[in-house]
């Protein structure tokens, strides 16, 4: 079963760059692992402090659950937040993509 989760939140202005740096470390770690059946995208919105994470899994294997970098990202998340996080499960209706 394919499941897509959306997580959105807003950081405090002074924590936004640190939040982005921690996310970049997560991507570096999961790129090395070459995980199949997993799509992960994080968007930083134009206000500079809002982030949206989109994770799609086509199996029970979620590499974020065992990621050291993701653990580090999550460990201080509450202190960086101004609002959220809000999580939703979504169903893909259509997709056209690059790549």
N, C-alpha and C. Protein backbone atom coordinates (compact mmCIF):
# COMPACT_ATOMS: atom_id res chain seq x y z
N UNK A 1 0.83 -1.18 0.00
CA UNK A 1 0.00 0.00 0.00
C UNK A 1 0.88 1.25 0.00
N UNK A 2 0.59 2.17 -0.87
CA UNK A 2 1.34 3.42 -0.93
C UNK A 2 0.66 4.43 -0.01
N UNK A 3 1.48 5.05 0.83
CA UNK A 3 0.96 6.05 1.77
C UNK A 3 1.80 7.31 1.65
N UNK A 4 1.12 8.44 1.58
CA UNK A 4 1.80 9.73 1.53
C UNK A 4 1.42 10.53 2.76
N UNK A 5 2.42 11.03 3.44
CA UNK A 5 2.20 11.87 4.62
C UNK A 5 2.75 13.26 4.36
N UNK A 6 1.99 14.27 4.79
CA UNK A 6 2.41 15.66 4.70
C UNK A 6 2.53 16.20 6.11
N UNK A 7 3.65 16.83 6.39
CA UNK A 7 3.87 17.44 7.69
C UNK A 7 4.26 18.89 7.44
N UNK A 8 3.56 19.79 8.08
CA UNK A 8 3.88 21.21 7.88
C UNK A 8 4.02 21.88 9.23
N UNK A 9 4.87 22.89 9.26
CA UNK A 9 5.12 23.61 10.50
C UNK A 9 5.83 24.91 10.17
N UNK A 10 5.90 25.78 11.17
CA UNK A 10 6.62 27.04 11.03
C UNK A 10 7.63 27.15 12.16
N UNK A 11 8.87 27.45 11.80
CA UNK A 11 9.92 27.64 12.79
C UNK A 11 9.95 29.11 13.21
N UNK A 12 10.67 29.37 14.27
CA UNK A 12 10.95 30.75 14.63
C UNK A 12 11.96 31.28 13.60
N UNK A 13 11.97 32.57 13.33
CA UNK A 13 12.91 33.11 12.33
C UNK A 13 14.37 32.77 12.63
N UNK A 14 14.76 32.81 13.90
CA UNK A 14 16.17 32.55 14.23
C UNK A 14 16.55 31.08 14.10
N UNK A 15 15.58 30.19 13.96
CA UNK A 15 15.87 28.75 13.86
C UNK A 15 15.69 28.19 12.45
N UNK A 16 15.21 28.98 11.52
CA UNK A 16 14.88 28.47 10.18
C UNK A 16 16.10 27.93 9.44
N UNK A 17 17.21 28.63 9.46
CA UNK A 17 18.40 28.16 8.75
C UNK A 17 18.97 26.89 9.38
N UNK A 18 18.94 26.81 10.70
CA UNK A 18 19.41 25.60 11.40
C UNK A 18 18.51 24.42 11.05
N UNK A 19 17.21 24.66 10.98
CA UNK A 19 16.27 23.62 10.60
C UNK A 19 16.59 23.10 9.19
N UNK A 20 16.83 24.01 8.27
CA UNK A 20 17.17 23.62 6.90
C UNK A 20 18.47 22.83 6.85
N UNK A 21 19.45 23.23 7.65
CA UNK A 21 20.73 22.53 7.69
C UNK A 21 20.55 21.09 8.19
N UNK A 22 19.75 20.93 9.21
CA UNK A 22 19.50 19.59 9.75
C UNK A 22 18.77 18.71 8.73
N UNK A 23 17.87 19.30 7.98
CA UNK A 23 17.16 18.56 6.93
C UNK A 23 18.15 18.13 5.84
N UNK A 24 19.06 19.00 5.47
CA UNK A 24 20.07 18.65 4.47
C UNK A 24 20.90 17.45 4.93
N UNK A 25 21.20 17.37 6.23
CA UNK A 25 21.94 16.22 6.76
C UNK A 25 21.14 14.93 6.64
N UNK A 26 19.82 15.02 6.82
CA UNK A 26 18.97 13.85 6.65
C UNK A 26 19.06 13.36 5.20
N UNK A 27 18.97 14.29 4.26
CA UNK A 27 19.03 13.91 2.85
C UNK A 27 20.38 13.31 2.48
N UNK A 28 21.44 13.83 3.05
CA UNK A 28 22.77 13.27 2.78
C UNK A 28 22.85 11.83 3.28
N UNK A 29 22.29 11.58 4.44
CA UNK A 29 22.34 10.23 5.00
C UNK A 29 21.48 9.25 4.21
N UNK A 30 20.26 9.63 3.85
CA UNK A 30 19.40 8.68 3.14
C UNK A 30 19.86 8.48 1.69
N UNK A 31 20.57 9.45 1.13
CA UNK A 31 21.12 9.27 -0.22
C UNK A 31 22.18 8.17 -0.22
N UNK A 32 22.97 8.11 0.83
CA UNK A 32 23.98 7.06 0.94
C UNK A 32 23.37 5.68 1.09
N UNK A 33 22.20 5.60 1.71
CA UNK A 33 21.55 4.31 1.96
C UNK A 33 20.86 3.74 0.72
N UNK A 34 20.59 4.58 -0.27
CA UNK A 34 19.94 4.17 -1.52
C UNK A 34 18.69 3.32 -1.26
N UNK A 35 17.76 3.89 -0.52
CA UNK A 35 16.54 3.19 -0.14
C UNK A 35 15.55 3.18 -1.31
N UNK A 36 14.99 2.01 -1.59
CA UNK A 36 13.98 1.88 -2.63
C UNK A 36 12.60 1.96 -2.00
N UNK A 37 11.60 2.37 -2.78
CA UNK A 37 10.23 2.42 -2.30
C UNK A 37 9.95 3.55 -1.34
N UNK A 38 10.74 4.61 -1.43
CA UNK A 38 10.61 5.74 -0.51
C UNK A 38 10.89 7.02 -1.27
N UNK A 39 9.98 7.97 -1.16
CA UNK A 39 10.18 9.28 -1.76
C UNK A 39 10.00 10.31 -0.65
N UNK A 40 10.94 11.24 -0.58
CA UNK A 40 10.91 12.24 0.49
C UNK A 40 11.29 13.57 -0.10
N UNK A 41 10.48 14.56 0.20
CA UNK A 41 10.72 15.91 -0.30
C UNK A 41 10.41 16.88 0.83
N UNK A 42 11.25 17.89 0.98
CA UNK A 42 11.00 18.93 1.98
C UNK A 42 11.05 20.27 1.25
N UNK A 43 10.04 21.06 1.47
CA UNK A 43 9.93 22.38 0.85
C UNK A 43 10.03 23.46 1.92
N UNK A 44 10.79 24.49 1.62
CA UNK A 44 10.84 25.67 2.48
C UNK A 44 10.05 26.74 1.74
N UNK A 45 9.00 27.23 2.37
CA UNK A 45 8.11 28.17 1.70
C UNK A 45 8.72 29.57 1.63
N UNK A 46 8.12 30.41 0.81
CA UNK A 46 8.72 31.72 0.52
C UNK A 46 8.73 32.67 1.71
N UNK A 47 8.04 32.34 2.79
CA UNK A 47 8.16 33.18 3.99
C UNK A 47 9.47 32.92 4.73
N UNK A 48 10.18 31.84 4.31
CA UNK A 48 11.49 31.52 4.88
C UNK A 48 11.46 30.73 6.17
N UNK A 49 10.29 30.60 6.80
CA UNK A 49 10.20 29.92 8.09
C UNK A 49 9.22 28.75 8.09
N UNK A 50 8.45 28.58 7.03
CA UNK A 50 7.49 27.48 6.95
C UNK A 50 8.09 26.36 6.12
N UNK A 51 7.87 25.11 6.60
CA UNK A 51 8.40 23.93 5.93
C UNK A 51 7.27 22.94 5.72
N UNK A 52 7.35 22.20 4.61
CA UNK A 52 6.41 21.13 4.32
C UNK A 52 7.23 19.90 3.95
N UNK A 53 7.01 18.80 4.66
CA UNK A 53 7.66 17.53 4.37
C UNK A 53 6.63 16.64 3.69
N UNK A 54 7.02 15.99 2.60
CA UNK A 54 6.15 15.05 1.90
C UNK A 54 6.90 13.73 1.81
N UNK A 55 6.37 12.71 2.46
CA UNK A 55 7.01 11.39 2.47
C UNK A 55 6.03 10.38 1.89
N UNK A 56 6.50 9.61 0.89
CA UNK A 56 5.68 8.58 0.28
C UNK A 56 6.39 7.25 0.43
N UNK A 57 5.68 6.30 0.98
CA UNK A 57 6.21 4.95 1.21
C UNK A 57 5.37 3.95 0.45
N UNK A 58 6.03 3.00 -0.22
CA UNK A 58 5.27 1.92 -0.86
C UNK A 58 5.53 0.59 -0.16
N UNK A 59 6.07 0.67 1.05
CA UNK A 59 6.28 -0.53 1.86
C UNK A 59 6.28 -0.12 3.33
N UNK A 60 6.47 -1.08 4.19
CA UNK A 60 6.53 -0.80 5.63
C UNK A 60 7.88 -0.23 6.04
N UNK A 61 8.86 -0.26 5.15
CA UNK A 61 10.22 0.17 5.45
C UNK A 61 10.33 1.69 5.36
N UNK A 62 10.38 2.36 6.49
CA UNK A 62 10.56 3.81 6.52
C UNK A 62 11.98 4.09 7.00
N UNK A 63 12.87 4.49 6.10
CA UNK A 63 14.27 4.71 6.50
C UNK A 63 14.45 5.84 7.50
N UNK A 64 13.48 6.72 7.64
CA UNK A 64 13.60 7.80 8.61
C UNK A 64 13.56 7.27 10.04
N UNK A 65 12.92 6.14 10.24
CA UNK A 65 12.82 5.58 11.58
C UNK A 65 14.17 5.13 12.13
N UNK A 66 15.11 4.81 11.26
CA UNK A 66 16.43 4.36 11.71
C UNK A 66 17.54 5.36 11.38
N UNK A 67 17.18 6.51 10.86
CA UNK A 67 18.15 7.52 10.46
C UNK A 67 18.68 8.29 11.67
N UNK A 68 19.99 8.29 11.83
CA UNK A 68 20.62 9.06 12.90
C UNK A 68 20.40 10.55 12.69
N UNK A 69 20.55 11.00 11.45
CA UNK A 69 20.37 12.42 11.14
C UNK A 69 18.93 12.87 11.38
N UNK A 70 17.96 12.01 11.03
CA UNK A 70 16.56 12.36 11.26
C UNK A 70 16.28 12.41 12.76
N UNK A 71 16.89 11.52 13.51
CA UNK A 71 16.75 11.56 14.97
C UNK A 71 17.28 12.88 15.54
N UNK A 72 18.41 13.33 15.02
CA UNK A 72 18.98 14.62 15.46
C UNK A 72 18.06 15.77 15.07
N UNK A 73 17.49 15.71 13.87
CA UNK A 73 16.55 16.73 13.41
C UNK A 73 15.34 16.78 14.35
N UNK A 74 14.78 15.63 14.67
CA UNK A 74 13.58 15.58 15.50
C UNK A 74 13.84 15.95 16.96
N UNK A 75 15.04 15.65 17.46
CA UNK A 75 15.31 15.84 18.88
C UNK A 75 15.15 17.29 19.33
N UNK A 76 15.45 18.24 18.50
CA UNK A 76 15.32 19.64 18.89
C UNK A 76 14.22 20.37 18.17
N UNK A 77 13.37 19.63 17.48
CA UNK A 77 12.34 20.27 16.66
C UNK A 77 11.40 21.16 17.48
N UNK A 78 10.93 20.66 18.59
CA UNK A 78 9.99 21.43 19.41
C UNK A 78 10.51 22.81 19.78
N UNK A 79 11.78 22.91 20.08
CA UNK A 79 12.38 24.19 20.46
C UNK A 79 12.50 25.14 19.27
N UNK A 80 12.52 24.60 18.05
CA UNK A 80 12.65 25.44 16.86
C UNK A 80 11.30 25.92 16.32
N UNK A 81 10.22 25.34 16.82
CA UNK A 81 8.90 25.62 16.23
C UNK A 81 8.20 26.82 16.83
N UNK A 82 7.50 27.50 15.95
CA UNK A 82 6.59 28.57 16.34
C UNK A 82 5.15 28.07 16.21
N UNK A 83 4.93 27.14 15.26
CA UNK A 83 3.59 26.61 15.01
C UNK A 83 3.68 25.21 14.42
N UNK A 84 2.80 24.33 14.87
CA UNK A 84 2.77 22.98 14.34
C UNK A 84 3.60 22.04 15.19
N UNK A 85 3.91 20.89 14.71
CA UNK A 85 3.68 20.38 13.35
C UNK A 85 2.26 19.82 13.19
N UNK A 86 1.79 19.89 11.96
CA UNK A 86 0.50 19.34 11.57
C UNK A 86 0.76 18.23 10.59
N UNK A 87 0.16 17.09 10.81
CA UNK A 87 0.39 15.94 9.93
C UNK A 87 -0.92 15.50 9.29
N UNK A 88 -0.87 15.16 8.01
CA UNK A 88 -2.01 14.64 7.27
C UNK A 88 -1.57 13.46 6.45
N UNK A 89 -2.46 12.51 6.27
CA UNK A 89 -2.24 11.41 5.33
C UNK A 89 -2.99 11.78 4.07
N UNK A 90 -2.35 11.62 2.92
CA UNK A 90 -2.94 12.03 1.65
C UNK A 90 -2.94 10.88 0.66
N UNK A 91 -3.84 10.95 -0.28
CA UNK A 91 -3.90 10.00 -1.37
C UNK A 91 -3.56 10.73 -2.66
N UNK A 92 -2.63 10.17 -3.42
CA UNK A 92 -2.24 10.78 -4.69
C UNK A 92 -3.37 10.58 -5.69
N UNK A 93 -3.85 11.65 -6.26
CA UNK A 93 -4.89 11.60 -7.29
C UNK A 93 -4.24 11.59 -8.67
N UNK A 94 -3.17 12.32 -8.82
CA UNK A 94 -2.42 12.37 -10.07
C UNK A 94 -1.02 12.84 -9.79
N UNK A 95 -0.11 12.45 -10.65
CA UNK A 95 1.28 12.84 -10.47
C UNK A 95 1.95 12.92 -11.82
N UNK A 96 2.60 14.02 -12.07
CA UNK A 96 3.42 14.19 -13.25
C UNK A 96 4.72 14.77 -12.76
N UNK A 97 5.83 14.14 -13.06
CA UNK A 97 7.05 14.60 -12.43
C UNK A 97 8.23 14.68 -13.34
N UNK A 98 9.25 15.27 -12.79
CA UNK A 98 10.53 15.40 -13.44
C UNK A 98 11.32 14.16 -13.11
N UNK A 99 12.08 13.67 -14.09
CA UNK A 99 12.96 12.56 -13.80
C UNK A 99 12.53 11.30 -14.33
